[in-house]
């Protein structure tokens, strides 16, 4: 098998490690294989690929979408970044908890976070590219963000002087999200989780 599950956080955030074949010429790695992802219980139906470039100190997030729900399989393809996923699903046993992982391009690792998680990252190296496969297509009418430095979440970002868009800087607080009507569409499904396990 070319892929292994290296770690699992908050029950649903998964680090997927590919096998890298290296020699004096460089390396070869399979980035994605539907059959092996399926065997590991990971999603295989991706409908949109995205690519982001950032310079050091840029912070993007915390973004999410509720209709359609959008799971993301993220990987750093240039430089080093700190990837964050926050559980925003009503009724979830890990609601409001977050995981942050430093990922570097040379490891070729993926971080999977299903729909119902807000995602973000900050660029730790001079140049950073993040690519991600999505299980839902973008719908601007049903997407939003939670403020990156919301004290209720307490995310321990590894940098303090961030460069951030005005939209992200003025995003809603986690408490505002939970009180919004849209939050009714983002609910933890214990039955779906138990079937998967």
N, C-alpha and C. Protein backbone atom coordinates (compact mmCIF):
# COMPACT_ATOMS: atom_id res chain seq x y z
N UNK A 1 0.86 -1.19 0.00
CA UNK A 1 0.00 0.00 0.00
C UNK A 1 0.89 1.24 0.00
N UNK A 2 0.57 2.18 -0.88
CA UNK A 2 1.38 3.39 -1.03
C UNK A 2 1.03 4.46 0.01
N UNK A 3 -0.10 4.30 0.71
CA UNK A 3 -0.54 5.30 1.68
C UNK A 3 -0.81 4.64 3.03
N UNK A 4 -0.54 5.37 4.09
CA UNK A 4 -0.88 4.93 5.44
C UNK A 4 -1.50 6.08 6.20
N UNK A 5 -2.37 5.75 7.15
CA UNK A 5 -2.90 6.76 8.06
C UNK A 5 -1.89 6.93 9.18
N UNK A 6 -1.27 8.09 9.23
CA UNK A 6 -0.22 8.34 10.21
C UNK A 6 -0.77 8.76 11.57
N UNK A 7 -1.85 9.54 11.55
CA UNK A 7 -2.41 10.04 12.81
C UNK A 7 -3.86 10.44 12.59
N UNK A 8 -4.61 10.46 13.70
CA UNK A 8 -6.01 10.89 13.67
C UNK A 8 -6.23 11.84 14.85
N UNK A 9 -6.90 12.96 14.59
CA UNK A 9 -7.16 13.97 15.61
C UNK A 9 -8.66 14.30 15.61
N UNK A 10 -9.19 14.60 16.78
CA UNK A 10 -10.60 14.99 16.91
C UNK A 10 -11.51 13.98 16.20
N UNK A 11 -11.14 12.74 16.21
CA UNK A 11 -11.87 11.63 15.60
C UNK A 11 -11.86 11.65 14.07
N UNK A 12 -11.92 12.81 13.45
CA UNK A 12 -12.17 12.89 12.01
C UNK A 12 -11.08 13.57 11.18
N UNK A 13 -10.12 14.24 11.80
CA UNK A 13 -9.03 14.88 11.06
C UNK A 13 -7.89 13.86 10.95
N UNK A 14 -7.50 13.56 9.72
CA UNK A 14 -6.58 12.45 9.46
C UNK A 14 -5.36 12.93 8.69
N UNK A 15 -4.18 12.48 9.13
CA UNK A 15 -2.94 12.72 8.39
C UNK A 15 -2.64 11.47 7.57
N UNK A 16 -2.54 11.66 6.26
CA UNK A 16 -2.27 10.56 5.34
C UNK A 16 -0.85 10.71 4.82
N UNK A 17 -0.05 9.66 4.99
CA UNK A 17 1.35 9.70 4.56
C UNK A 17 1.54 8.79 3.35
N UNK A 18 2.04 9.33 2.23
CA UNK A 18 2.32 8.49 1.07
C UNK A 18 3.72 7.89 1.18
N UNK A 19 3.94 6.83 0.46
CA UNK A 19 5.29 6.27 0.37
C UNK A 19 6.07 7.06 -0.67
N UNK A 20 7.25 7.53 -0.28
CA UNK A 20 8.09 8.33 -1.18
C UNK A 20 9.28 7.48 -1.62
N UNK A 21 9.48 7.39 -2.91
CA UNK A 21 10.60 6.63 -3.47
C UNK A 21 11.70 7.63 -3.84
N UNK A 22 12.81 7.59 -3.11
CA UNK A 22 13.89 8.56 -3.31
C UNK A 22 15.15 7.85 -3.80
N UNK A 23 15.90 8.53 -4.65
CA UNK A 23 17.24 8.09 -5.01
C UNK A 23 18.07 9.33 -5.35
N UNK A 24 19.26 9.12 -5.91
CA UNK A 24 20.14 10.26 -6.16
C UNK A 24 19.63 11.19 -7.26
N UNK A 25 18.59 10.78 -7.98
CA UNK A 25 18.00 11.63 -9.02
C UNK A 25 16.89 12.52 -8.50
N UNK A 26 16.32 12.16 -7.35
CA UNK A 26 15.18 12.90 -6.81
C UNK A 26 14.20 11.96 -6.14
N UNK A 27 12.91 12.09 -6.45
CA UNK A 27 11.93 11.23 -5.81
C UNK A 27 10.73 11.02 -6.71
N UNK A 28 9.92 10.02 -6.35
CA UNK A 28 8.64 9.77 -7.00
C UNK A 28 7.63 9.46 -5.90
N UNK A 29 6.42 9.99 -6.04
CA UNK A 29 5.38 9.73 -5.05
C UNK A 29 4.02 9.72 -5.74
N UNK A 30 3.17 8.78 -5.38
CA UNK A 30 1.78 8.82 -5.82
C UNK A 30 1.04 9.78 -4.90
N UNK A 31 0.41 10.79 -5.47
CA UNK A 31 -0.28 11.80 -4.67
C UNK A 31 -1.67 11.35 -4.24
N UNK A 32 -2.32 10.56 -5.09
CA UNK A 32 -3.69 10.15 -4.79
C UNK A 32 -4.01 8.89 -5.57
N UNK A 33 -4.67 7.96 -4.89
CA UNK A 33 -5.18 6.75 -5.55
C UNK A 33 -6.52 6.40 -4.93
N UNK A 34 -7.57 6.42 -5.74
CA UNK A 34 -8.91 6.20 -5.23
C UNK A 34 -9.04 4.84 -4.56
N UNK A 35 -8.45 3.80 -5.15
CA UNK A 35 -8.61 2.47 -4.57
C UNK A 35 -7.98 2.37 -3.18
N UNK A 36 -6.81 2.97 -3.00
CA UNK A 36 -6.15 2.89 -1.70
C UNK A 36 -6.80 3.83 -0.68
N UNK A 37 -7.28 4.98 -1.12
CA UNK A 37 -8.01 5.85 -0.20
C UNK A 37 -9.28 5.15 0.28
N UNK A 38 -9.97 4.49 -0.64
CA UNK A 38 -11.19 3.76 -0.28
C UNK A 38 -10.87 2.67 0.74
N UNK A 39 -9.78 1.94 0.53
CA UNK A 39 -9.39 0.86 1.44
C UNK A 39 -9.08 1.38 2.84
N UNK A 40 -8.64 2.63 2.93
CA UNK A 40 -8.33 3.24 4.23
C UNK A 40 -9.54 3.94 4.85
N UNK A 41 -10.68 3.90 4.16
CA UNK A 41 -11.88 4.54 4.68
C UNK A 41 -11.91 6.04 4.44
N UNK A 42 -11.11 6.50 3.49
CA UNK A 42 -11.05 7.93 3.16
C UNK A 42 -11.94 8.22 1.95
N UNK A 43 -12.33 9.48 1.77
CA UNK A 43 -13.19 9.82 0.64
C UNK A 43 -12.46 9.65 -0.69
N UNK A 44 -13.22 9.39 -1.72
CA UNK A 44 -12.65 9.26 -3.07
C UNK A 44 -13.39 10.13 -4.09
N UNK A 45 -14.46 10.78 -3.67
CA UNK A 45 -15.26 11.60 -4.59
C UNK A 45 -14.91 13.08 -4.41
N UNK A 46 -13.92 13.53 -5.17
CA UNK A 46 -13.51 14.93 -5.13
C UNK A 46 -13.98 15.62 -6.40
N UNK A 47 -14.52 16.84 -6.26
CA UNK A 47 -15.12 17.52 -7.40
C UNK A 47 -14.46 18.84 -7.75
N UNK A 48 -13.50 19.26 -6.93
CA UNK A 48 -12.84 20.54 -7.20
C UNK A 48 -11.44 20.50 -6.62
N UNK A 49 -10.46 20.98 -7.39
CA UNK A 49 -9.07 21.12 -6.92
C UNK A 49 -8.74 22.61 -6.81
N UNK A 50 -8.14 23.01 -5.68
CA UNK A 50 -7.75 24.40 -5.46
C UNK A 50 -6.26 24.49 -5.18
N UNK A 51 -5.68 25.65 -5.45
CA UNK A 51 -4.26 25.89 -5.22
C UNK A 51 -4.09 27.31 -4.69
N UNK A 52 -3.31 27.45 -3.64
CA UNK A 52 -3.11 28.75 -3.00
C UNK A 52 -1.62 29.03 -2.87
N UNK A 53 -1.21 30.26 -3.19
CA UNK A 53 0.17 30.69 -2.99
C UNK A 53 0.19 31.82 -1.97
N UNK A 54 1.12 31.74 -1.02
CA UNK A 54 1.24 32.77 0.02
C UNK A 54 2.70 33.02 0.32
N UNK A 55 2.99 34.20 0.83
CA UNK A 55 4.33 34.51 1.30
C UNK A 55 4.34 34.47 2.83
N UNK A 56 5.53 34.47 3.39
CA UNK A 56 5.70 34.28 4.83
C UNK A 56 4.85 35.26 5.64
N UNK A 57 4.15 34.73 6.64
CA UNK A 57 3.34 35.55 7.52
C UNK A 57 1.89 35.69 7.10
N UNK A 58 1.56 35.23 5.89
CA UNK A 58 0.17 35.29 5.44
C UNK A 58 -0.64 34.24 6.19
N UNK A 59 -1.82 34.63 6.66
CA UNK A 59 -2.74 33.71 7.32
C UNK A 59 -4.06 33.75 6.57
N UNK A 60 -4.57 32.58 6.25
CA UNK A 60 -5.85 32.46 5.53
C UNK A 60 -6.79 31.60 6.37
N UNK A 61 -7.99 32.08 6.60
CA UNK A 61 -8.95 31.28 7.37
C UNK A 61 -9.58 32.11 8.48
N UNK A 62 -10.45 31.45 9.14
CA UNK A 62 -10.85 30.03 9.13
C UNK A 62 -12.10 29.87 8.27
N UNK A 63 -11.98 29.20 7.13
CA UNK A 63 -13.04 29.15 6.14
C UNK A 63 -13.83 27.85 6.20
N UNK A 64 -15.11 27.94 5.82
CA UNK A 64 -15.95 26.75 5.73
C UNK A 64 -17.15 27.05 4.83
N UNK A 65 -17.85 25.99 4.46
CA UNK A 65 -19.02 26.09 3.60
C UNK A 65 -20.03 25.05 4.06
N UNK A 66 -21.32 25.42 4.05
CA UNK A 66 -22.33 24.47 4.53
C UNK A 66 -23.24 23.90 3.44
N UNK A 67 -23.30 24.50 2.26
CA UNK A 67 -24.15 23.95 1.22
C UNK A 67 -23.54 24.21 -0.15
N UNK A 68 -23.01 23.18 -0.81
CA UNK A 68 -22.86 21.84 -0.26
C UNK A 68 -21.73 21.80 0.77
N UNK A 69 -21.78 20.82 1.66
CA UNK A 69 -20.68 20.64 2.60
C UNK A 69 -19.39 20.38 1.84
N UNK A 70 -18.28 20.86 2.39
CA UNK A 70 -17.02 20.74 1.67
C UNK A 70 -15.93 20.17 2.57
N UNK A 71 -15.62 18.89 2.37
CA UNK A 71 -14.45 18.30 3.00
C UNK A 71 -13.22 18.67 2.17
N UNK A 72 -12.08 18.78 2.83
CA UNK A 72 -10.86 19.16 2.12
C UNK A 72 -9.71 18.23 2.47
N UNK A 73 -9.02 17.79 1.42
CA UNK A 73 -7.78 17.02 1.53
C UNK A 73 -6.65 17.96 1.15
N UNK A 74 -5.93 18.46 2.16
CA UNK A 74 -4.95 19.53 1.94
C UNK A 74 -3.52 18.99 2.01
N UNK A 75 -2.64 19.58 1.20
CA UNK A 75 -1.23 19.25 1.27
C UNK A 75 -0.41 20.48 0.90
N UNK A 76 0.73 20.60 1.51
CA UNK A 76 1.67 21.68 1.21
C UNK A 76 2.58 21.19 0.09
N UNK A 77 2.64 21.92 -1.01
CA UNK A 77 3.46 21.51 -2.14
C UNK A 77 4.68 22.41 -2.35
N UNK A 78 4.78 23.47 -1.57
CA UNK A 78 6.00 24.29 -1.56
C UNK A 78 6.13 24.93 -0.19
N UNK A 79 7.31 24.79 0.42
CA UNK A 79 7.56 25.44 1.69
C UNK A 79 6.97 24.70 2.88
N UNK A 80 6.68 25.48 3.93
CA UNK A 80 6.16 24.94 5.19
C UNK A 80 5.00 25.81 5.66
N UNK A 81 3.94 25.16 6.12
CA UNK A 81 2.76 25.88 6.60
C UNK A 81 2.20 25.20 7.83
N UNK A 82 1.46 25.96 8.60
CA UNK A 82 0.76 25.46 9.78
C UNK A 82 -0.70 25.35 9.40
N UNK A 83 -1.20 24.12 9.27
CA UNK A 83 -2.58 23.87 8.86
C UNK A 83 -3.47 23.68 10.08
N UNK A 84 -4.64 24.29 10.07
CA UNK A 84 -5.56 24.24 11.22
C UNK A 84 -6.94 23.76 10.76
N UNK A 85 -7.56 22.92 11.59
CA UNK A 85 -8.95 22.50 11.38
C UNK A 85 -9.69 22.65 12.71
N UNK A 86 -10.87 23.26 12.68
CA UNK A 86 -11.70 23.49 13.87
C UNK A 86 -13.05 22.83 13.67
N UNK A 87 -13.47 22.02 14.62
CA UNK A 87 -14.77 21.36 14.56
C UNK A 87 -15.86 22.38 14.87
N UNK A 88 -16.75 22.63 13.90
CA UNK A 88 -17.83 23.61 14.10
C UNK A 88 -19.20 22.94 14.01
N UNK A 89 -19.26 21.61 14.15
CA UNK A 89 -20.50 20.85 14.00
C UNK A 89 -21.29 20.84 15.31
N UNK A 90 -22.52 21.31 15.26
CA UNK A 90 -23.40 21.25 16.43
C UNK A 90 -23.56 19.79 16.86
N UNK A 91 -23.50 19.57 18.16
CA UNK A 91 -23.68 18.22 18.69
C UNK A 91 -22.45 17.35 18.67
N UNK A 92 -21.36 17.85 18.13
CA UNK A 92 -20.14 17.05 18.06
C UNK A 92 -19.47 16.97 19.43
N UNK A 93 -18.91 15.80 19.80
CA UNK A 93 -18.19 15.71 21.07
C UNK A 93 -16.91 16.54 21.08
N UNK A 94 -16.45 16.98 19.90
CA UNK A 94 -15.24 17.81 19.85
C UNK A 94 -15.55 19.22 19.33
N UNK A 95 -16.80 19.66 19.47
CA UNK A 95 -17.21 20.99 19.02
C UNK A 95 -16.31 22.07 19.63
N UNK A 96 -15.79 22.94 18.77
CA UNK A 96 -14.96 24.06 19.23
C UNK A 96 -13.51 23.70 19.47
N UNK A 97 -13.16 22.44 19.31
CA UNK A 97 -11.75 22.04 19.48
C UNK A 97 -11.03 22.14 18.14
N UNK A 98 -9.74 22.31 18.20
CA UNK A 98 -8.96 22.50 16.98
C UNK A 98 -7.70 21.64 17.01
N UNK A 99 -7.17 21.43 15.82
CA UNK A 99 -5.87 20.78 15.68
C UNK A 99 -5.05 21.63 14.72
N UNK A 100 -3.78 21.80 15.05
CA UNK A 100 -2.86 22.53 14.20
C UNK A 100 -1.63 21.68 13.93
N UNK A 101 -1.25 21.59 12.66
CA UNK A 101 -0.16 20.71 12.25
C UNK A 101 0.79 21.45 11.32
N UNK A 102 2.07 21.40 11.65
CA UNK A 102 3.08 21.96 10.75
C UNK A 102 3.39 20.94 9.67
N UNK A 103 3.22 21.34 8.42
CA UNK A 103 3.43 20.45 7.29
C UNK A 103 4.43 21.08 6.32
N UNK A 104 5.32 20.24 5.80
CA UNK A 104 6.33 20.69 4.84
C UNK A 104 6.16 19.94 3.53
N UNK A 105 6.49 20.59 2.44
CA UNK A 105 6.31 20.00 1.11
C UNK A 105 7.06 18.69 0.96
N UNK A 106 8.25 18.60 1.53
CA UNK A 106 9.08 17.40 1.30
C UNK A 106 8.48 16.13 1.89
N UNK A 107 7.53 16.25 2.82
CA UNK A 107 6.93 15.04 3.39
C UNK A 107 5.80 14.50 2.51
N UNK A 108 5.22 15.36 1.66
CA UNK A 108 4.11 15.01 0.76
C UNK A 108 2.87 14.51 1.51
N UNK A 109 2.75 14.81 2.79
CA UNK A 109 1.61 14.34 3.57
C UNK A 109 0.35 15.15 3.28
N UNK A 110 -0.79 14.50 3.46
CA UNK A 110 -2.09 15.14 3.31
C UNK A 110 -2.74 15.28 4.69
N UNK A 111 -3.58 16.30 4.83
CA UNK A 111 -4.43 16.43 6.02
C UNK A 111 -5.88 16.46 5.54
N UNK A 112 -6.64 15.46 5.97
CA UNK A 112 -8.05 15.38 5.62
C UNK A 112 -8.90 15.91 6.77
N UNK A 113 -9.80 16.85 6.46
CA UNK A 113 -10.81 17.31 7.42
C UNK A 113 -12.14 17.33 6.69
N UNK A 114 -13.14 16.63 7.21
CA UNK A 114 -14.42 16.53 6.51
C UNK A 114 -15.23 17.82 6.59
N UNK A 115 -16.34 17.82 5.87
CA UNK A 115 -17.28 18.94 5.98
C UNK A 115 -17.66 19.10 7.45
N UNK A 116 -17.87 20.35 7.86
CA UNK A 116 -18.18 20.62 9.26
C UNK A 116 -16.97 21.06 10.04
N UNK A 117 -15.85 21.23 9.36
CA UNK A 117 -14.64 21.78 9.97
C UNK A 117 -14.30 23.08 9.26
N UNK A 118 -13.93 24.09 10.02
CA UNK A 118 -13.39 25.33 9.45
C UNK A 118 -11.89 25.13 9.30
N UNK A 119 -11.36 25.53 8.15
CA UNK A 119 -9.93 25.32 7.88
C UNK A 119 -9.21 26.64 7.66
N UNK A 120 -7.93 26.63 7.99
CA UNK A 120 -7.08 27.78 7.74
C UNK A 120 -5.63 27.36 7.79
N UNK A 121 -4.76 28.27 7.42
CA UNK A 121 -3.33 28.00 7.52
C UNK A 121 -2.55 29.31 7.54
N UNK A 122 -1.33 29.23 8.03
CA UNK A 122 -0.41 30.36 7.94
C UNK A 122 0.89 29.88 7.31
N UNK A 123 1.51 30.77 6.54
CA UNK A 123 2.73 30.46 5.81
C UNK A 123 3.94 30.69 6.72
N UNK A 124 4.75 29.65 6.90
CA UNK A 124 5.91 29.74 7.78
C UNK A 124 7.22 29.96 7.02
N UNK A 125 7.23 29.62 5.75
CA UNK A 125 8.44 29.82 4.93
C UNK A 125 8.22 30.99 3.98
N UNK A 126 9.28 31.39 3.27
CA UNK A 126 9.18 32.57 2.40
C UNK A 126 8.11 32.42 1.33
N UNK A 127 7.98 31.22 0.78
CA UNK A 127 6.96 30.95 -0.23
C UNK A 127 6.24 29.65 0.14
N UNK A 128 4.93 29.68 0.05
CA UNK A 128 4.14 28.50 0.42
C UNK A 128 3.05 28.29 -0.63
N UNK A 129 2.94 27.05 -1.08
CA UNK A 129 1.80 26.66 -1.90
C UNK A 129 1.05 25.55 -1.16
N UNK A 130 -0.27 25.70 -1.10
CA UNK A 130 -1.13 24.68 -0.51
C UNK A 130 -2.13 24.28 -1.60
N UNK A 131 -2.25 22.98 -1.80
CA UNK A 131 -3.22 22.47 -2.76
C UNK A 131 -4.22 21.60 -2.01
N UNK A 132 -5.48 21.67 -2.44
CA UNK A 132 -6.47 20.85 -1.75
C UNK A 132 -7.56 20.38 -2.70
N UNK A 133 -7.94 19.14 -2.46
CA UNK A 133 -9.04 18.52 -3.19
C UNK A 133 -10.29 18.67 -2.33
N UNK A 134 -11.40 19.02 -2.96
CA UNK A 134 -12.64 19.32 -2.23
C UNK A 134 -13.75 18.35 -2.61
N UNK A 135 -14.58 18.01 -1.64
CA UNK A 135 -15.70 17.11 -1.89
C UNK A 135 -16.96 17.87 -2.31
N UNK A 136 -16.93 19.18 -2.29
CA UNK A 136 -18.06 20.00 -2.73
C UNK A 136 -17.56 21.16 -3.57
N UNK A 137 -18.38 21.63 -4.49
CA UNK A 137 -18.01 22.78 -5.31
C UNK A 137 -18.30 24.07 -4.55
N UNK A 138 -17.54 25.10 -4.86
CA UNK A 138 -17.65 26.37 -4.14
C UNK A 138 -19.01 27.02 -4.36
N UNK A 139 -19.60 27.51 -3.27
CA UNK A 139 -20.87 28.23 -3.31
C UNK A 139 -20.74 29.45 -2.41
N UNK A 140 -20.48 30.60 -3.01
CA UNK A 140 -20.26 31.82 -2.24
C UNK A 140 -21.43 32.24 -1.38
N UNK A 141 -22.65 31.79 -1.72
CA UNK A 141 -23.83 32.16 -0.94
C UNK A 141 -23.92 31.38 0.37
N UNK A 142 -23.16 30.28 0.47
CA UNK A 142 -23.23 29.43 1.68
C UNK A 142 -21.84 29.16 2.24
N UNK A 143 -21.00 30.17 2.21
CA UNK A 143 -19.67 30.04 2.81
C UNK A 143 -19.44 31.18 3.77
N UNK A 144 -18.56 30.94 4.75
CA UNK A 144 -18.30 31.96 5.74
C UNK A 144 -16.94 31.69 6.38
N UNK A 145 -16.66 32.42 7.43
CA UNK A 145 -15.38 32.27 8.13
C UNK A 145 -15.58 32.61 9.60
N UNK A 146 -14.69 32.08 10.40
CA UNK A 146 -14.61 32.38 11.82
C UNK A 146 -13.28 33.07 12.07
N UNK A 147 -13.29 34.06 12.94
CA UNK A 147 -12.10 34.86 13.18
C UNK A 147 -10.93 34.01 13.67
N UNK A 148 -9.79 34.22 13.05
CA UNK A 148 -8.59 33.40 13.28
C UNK A 148 -8.11 33.45 14.72
N UNK A 149 -8.33 34.58 15.40
CA UNK A 149 -7.82 34.76 16.76
C UNK A 149 -8.94 34.82 17.80
N UNK A 150 -10.05 34.15 17.51
CA UNK A 150 -11.18 34.11 18.44
C UNK A 150 -10.70 33.52 19.78
N UNK A 151 -10.83 34.28 20.88
CA UNK A 151 -10.35 33.78 22.17
C UNK A 151 -11.09 32.54 22.65
N UNK A 152 -12.32 32.33 22.21
CA UNK A 152 -13.04 31.12 22.61
C UNK A 152 -12.42 29.86 22.02
N UNK A 153 -11.76 30.01 20.87
CA UNK A 153 -11.09 28.86 20.26
C UNK A 153 -9.67 28.70 20.80
N UNK A 154 -8.97 29.80 20.98
CA UNK A 154 -7.63 29.76 21.56
C UNK A 154 -6.60 29.05 20.70
N UNK A 155 -6.69 29.23 19.40
CA UNK A 155 -5.72 28.57 18.50
C UNK A 155 -4.34 29.14 18.76
N UNK A 156 -3.37 28.26 18.91
CA UNK A 156 -1.98 28.65 19.18
C UNK A 156 -1.21 28.72 17.87
N UNK A 157 -1.44 29.81 17.14
CA UNK A 157 -0.73 30.02 15.88
C UNK A 157 0.76 30.21 16.17
N UNK A 158 1.64 29.71 15.33
CA UNK A 158 3.08 29.84 15.60
C UNK A 158 3.67 31.20 15.25
N UNK A 159 2.86 32.11 14.70
CA UNK A 159 3.32 33.47 14.41
C UNK A 159 2.30 34.45 14.98
N UNK A 160 2.78 35.65 15.29
CA UNK A 160 1.88 36.67 15.85
C UNK A 160 1.65 37.83 14.89
N UNK A 161 2.65 38.21 14.11
CA UNK A 161 2.50 39.29 13.15
C UNK A 161 2.04 38.72 11.82
N UNK A 162 0.71 38.61 11.68
CA UNK A 162 0.16 37.96 10.49
C UNK A 162 -0.29 39.00 9.48
N UNK A 163 -0.30 38.59 8.23
CA UNK A 163 -0.90 39.38 7.16
C UNK A 163 -2.18 38.65 6.76
N UNK A 164 -3.29 39.36 6.79
CA UNK A 164 -4.58 38.72 6.64
C UNK A 164 -5.51 39.64 5.87
N UNK A 165 -6.43 39.07 5.13
CA UNK A 165 -7.38 39.88 4.38
C UNK A 165 -8.34 40.59 5.33
N UNK A 166 -8.90 41.70 4.87
CA UNK A 166 -9.87 42.42 5.71
C UNK A 166 -11.10 41.55 5.96
N UNK A 167 -11.47 40.72 4.97
CA UNK A 167 -12.62 39.83 5.14
C UNK A 167 -12.38 38.84 6.28
N UNK A 168 -11.19 38.24 6.32
CA UNK A 168 -10.88 37.29 7.38
C UNK A 168 -10.70 38.00 8.73
N UNK A 169 -10.12 39.19 8.70
CA UNK A 169 -9.91 39.94 9.95
C UNK A 169 -11.24 40.29 10.61
N UNK A 170 -12.28 40.50 9.80
CA UNK A 170 -13.58 40.90 10.32
C UNK A 170 -14.59 39.76 10.33
N UNK A 171 -14.09 38.53 10.25
CA UNK A 171 -14.98 37.36 10.26
C UNK A 171 -15.73 37.26 11.59
N UNK A 172 -16.78 36.47 11.58
CA UNK A 172 -17.59 36.31 12.79
C UNK A 172 -16.85 35.52 13.87
N UNK A 173 -17.31 35.66 15.09
CA UNK A 173 -16.79 34.87 16.19
C UNK A 173 -17.45 33.50 16.17
N UNK A 174 -16.82 32.54 16.84
CA UNK A 174 -17.36 31.18 16.91
C UNK A 174 -18.75 31.19 17.54
N UNK A 175 -18.95 31.99 18.59
CA UNK A 175 -20.26 32.07 19.25
C UNK A 175 -21.32 32.62 18.31
N UNK A 176 -20.94 33.54 17.45
CA UNK A 176 -21.89 34.10 16.47
C UNK A 176 -22.28 33.04 15.45
N UNK A 177 -21.30 32.23 15.04
CA UNK A 177 -21.60 31.15 14.11
C UNK A 177 -22.61 30.17 14.73
N UNK A 178 -22.37 29.76 15.96
CA UNK A 178 -23.26 28.79 16.59
C UNK A 178 -24.68 29.32 16.76
N UNK A 179 -24.82 30.64 16.89
CA UNK A 179 -26.14 31.26 17.07
C UNK A 179 -26.84 31.55 15.74
N UNK A 180 -26.14 31.35 14.64
CA UNK A 180 -26.71 31.70 13.34
C UNK A 180 -27.61 30.59 12.81
N UNK A 181 -28.60 30.93 11.98
CA UNK A 181 -29.47 29.90 11.39
C UNK A 181 -28.70 28.90 10.52
N UNK A 182 -27.63 29.34 9.87
CA UNK A 182 -26.86 28.45 9.01
C UNK A 182 -26.23 27.30 9.78
N UNK A 183 -25.94 27.50 11.07
CA UNK A 183 -25.31 26.46 11.88
C UNK A 183 -26.20 25.22 12.00
N UNK A 184 -27.49 25.39 11.75
CA UNK A 184 -28.41 24.25 11.80
C UNK A 184 -28.13 23.24 10.69
N UNK A 185 -27.41 23.68 9.65
CA UNK A 185 -27.08 22.79 8.54
C UNK A 185 -25.77 22.02 8.77
N UNK A 186 -25.04 22.38 9.81
CA UNK A 186 -23.74 21.76 10.09
C UNK A 186 -23.84 21.03 11.42
N UNK A 187 -24.27 19.78 11.35
CA UNK A 187 -24.58 19.00 12.55
C UNK A 187 -23.78 17.70 12.52
N UNK A 188 -23.27 17.33 13.67
CA UNK A 188 -22.54 16.08 13.83
C UNK A 188 -23.49 14.91 13.61
N UNK A 189 -23.08 13.96 12.78
CA UNK A 189 -23.92 12.79 12.46
C UNK A 189 -23.27 11.55 13.06
N UNK A 190 -23.68 11.19 14.27
CA UNK A 190 -23.08 10.06 14.98
C UNK A 190 -23.33 8.75 14.24
N UNK A 191 -24.48 8.60 13.59
CA UNK A 191 -24.78 7.36 12.88
C UNK A 191 -23.86 7.18 11.69
N UNK A 192 -23.58 8.25 10.96
CA UNK A 192 -22.67 8.16 9.82
C UNK A 192 -21.27 7.81 10.28
N UNK A 193 -20.87 8.36 11.44
CA UNK A 193 -19.54 8.07 11.98
C UNK A 193 -19.44 6.59 12.35
N UNK A 194 -20.47 6.06 13.03
CA UNK A 194 -20.41 4.67 13.47
C UNK A 194 -20.44 3.71 12.28
N UNK A 195 -21.14 4.05 11.22
CA UNK A 195 -21.14 3.20 10.02
C UNK A 195 -19.76 3.16 9.39
N UNK A 196 -19.09 4.31 9.38
CA UNK A 196 -17.77 4.39 8.78
C UNK A 196 -16.76 3.58 9.57
N UNK A 197 -16.91 3.59 10.90
CA UNK A 197 -15.97 2.88 11.74
C UNK A 197 -16.28 1.40 11.76
